[in-house]
Amino acid sequence: MAEVVDSDELLRRIQRARRYAQEELRTWEARARGPETDGGSGGGVDAARDARGRQLAYEAVVQVLDEILSPGRHGAEPRTED
């Protein structure tokens, strides 16, 4: 059966998720900027590309959680193409 959660607990969970996403974002930003550690075989490029992809994903998560916690305070709404 699903757990019943009040609004205060839901807010705490969202804030905790945002903090976690920010920590992960910083980790992946550092890895994306980090030096190649593979000795020049090309694996460092793949690792940097993977880190950049994860960085972008966590940026999106942080933006979504920011908008949930503080609606309208984070710039214009994204455009939708019809």
Protein backbone atom coordinates (compact mmCIF):
# COMPACT_ATOMS: atom_id res chain seq x y z
CA MET A 1 0.00 0.00 0.00
CA ALA A 2 1.21 3.52 -0.77
CA GLU A 3 2.56 5.62 2.03
CA VAL A 4 0.53 8.72 2.93
CA VAL A 5 2.73 11.82 3.06
CA ASP A 6 1.70 15.25 4.30
CA SER A 7 2.75 18.42 2.50
CA ASP A 8 5.56 19.24 4.95
CA GLU A 9 7.12 15.82 4.47
CA LEU A 10 6.77 16.11 0.71
CA LEU A 11 8.52 19.49 0.81
CA ARG A 12 11.36 18.03 2.91
CA ARG A 13 11.77 15.18 0.43
CA ILE A 14 11.90 17.55 -2.53
CA GLN A 15 14.46 19.74 -0.76
CA ARG A 16 16.55 16.68 0.07
CA ALA A 17 16.38 15.54 -3.55
CA ARG A 18 17.46 18.99 -4.72
CA ARG A 19 20.47 18.99 -2.37
CA TYR A 20 21.45 15.54 -3.64
CA ALA A 21 21.08 16.64 -7.26
CA GLN A 22 23.24 19.72 -6.61
CA GLU A 23 25.96 17.56 -5.05
CA GLU A 24 25.89 15.20 -8.02
CA LEU A 25 25.93 18.17 -10.42
CA ARG A 26 29.11 19.50 -8.79
CA THR A 27 30.68 16.03 -8.95
CA TRP A 28 29.94 15.59 -12.66
CA GLU A 29 31.00 19.17 -13.48
CA ALA A 30 34.37 18.44 -11.91
CA ARG A 31 34.70 15.16 -13.81
CA ALA A 32 33.76 16.85 -17.09
CA ARG A 33 36.55 19.42 -16.53
CA GLY A 34 39.02 16.87 -15.15
CA PRO A 35 42.19 15.77 -16.89
CA GLU A 36 42.25 12.70 -19.09
CA THR A 37 43.46 9.73 -17.06
CA ASP A 38 43.61 7.04 -19.71
CA GLY A 39 47.07 7.77 -21.11
CA GLY A 40 45.80 9.07 -24.43
CA SER A 41 43.87 6.04 -25.72
CA GLY A 42 40.67 8.05 -26.23
CA GLY A 43 38.88 6.74 -23.13
CA GLY A 44 39.27 10.10 -21.45
CA VAL A 45 37.25 11.72 -24.20
CA ASP A 46 34.47 9.16 -23.70
CA ALA A 47 34.60 9.67 -19.94
CA ALA A 48 34.44 13.45 -20.35
CA ARG A 49 31.50 13.10 -22.75
CA ASP A 50 29.71 10.81 -20.30
CA ALA A 51 30.40 13.23 -17.45
CA ARG A 52 29.08 16.14 -19.52
CA GLY A 53 25.90 14.20 -20.29
CA ARG A 54 25.35 13.44 -16.63
CA GLN A 55 26.09 17.06 -15.75
CA LEU A 56 23.38 18.23 -18.16
CA ALA A 57 20.92 15.72 -16.73
CA TYR A 58 21.52 16.89 -13.15
CA GLU A 59 21.26 20.54 -14.27
CA ALA A 60 17.80 19.75 -15.62
CA VAL A 61 16.79 17.98 -12.41
CA VAL A 62 17.95 20.91 -10.26
CA GLN A 63 16.04 23.35 -12.48
CA VAL A 64 12.84 21.32 -12.23
CA LEU A 65 13.12 20.98 -8.46
CA ASP A 66 13.89 24.72 -8.16
CA GLU A 67 10.73 25.49 -10.09
CA ILE A 68 8.68 23.18 -7.85
CA LEU A 69 10.08 24.80 -4.70
CA SER A 70 9.93 28.41 -5.96
CA PRO A 71 7.55 28.72 -8.91
CA GLY A 72 8.28 31.55 -11.32
CA ARG A 73 11.53 32.73 -9.74
CA HIS A 74 13.91 31.09 -12.19
CA GLY A 75 13.51 32.99 -15.42
CA ALA A 76 11.14 32.72 -18.33
CA GLU A 77 9.21 29.58 -19.07
CA PRO A 78 10.65 27.41 -21.81
CA ARG A 79 9.23 27.90 -25.27
CA THR A 80 7.16 25.15 -26.77
CA GLU A 81 7.29 24.50 -30.48
CA ASP A 82 3.95 23.46 -31.96
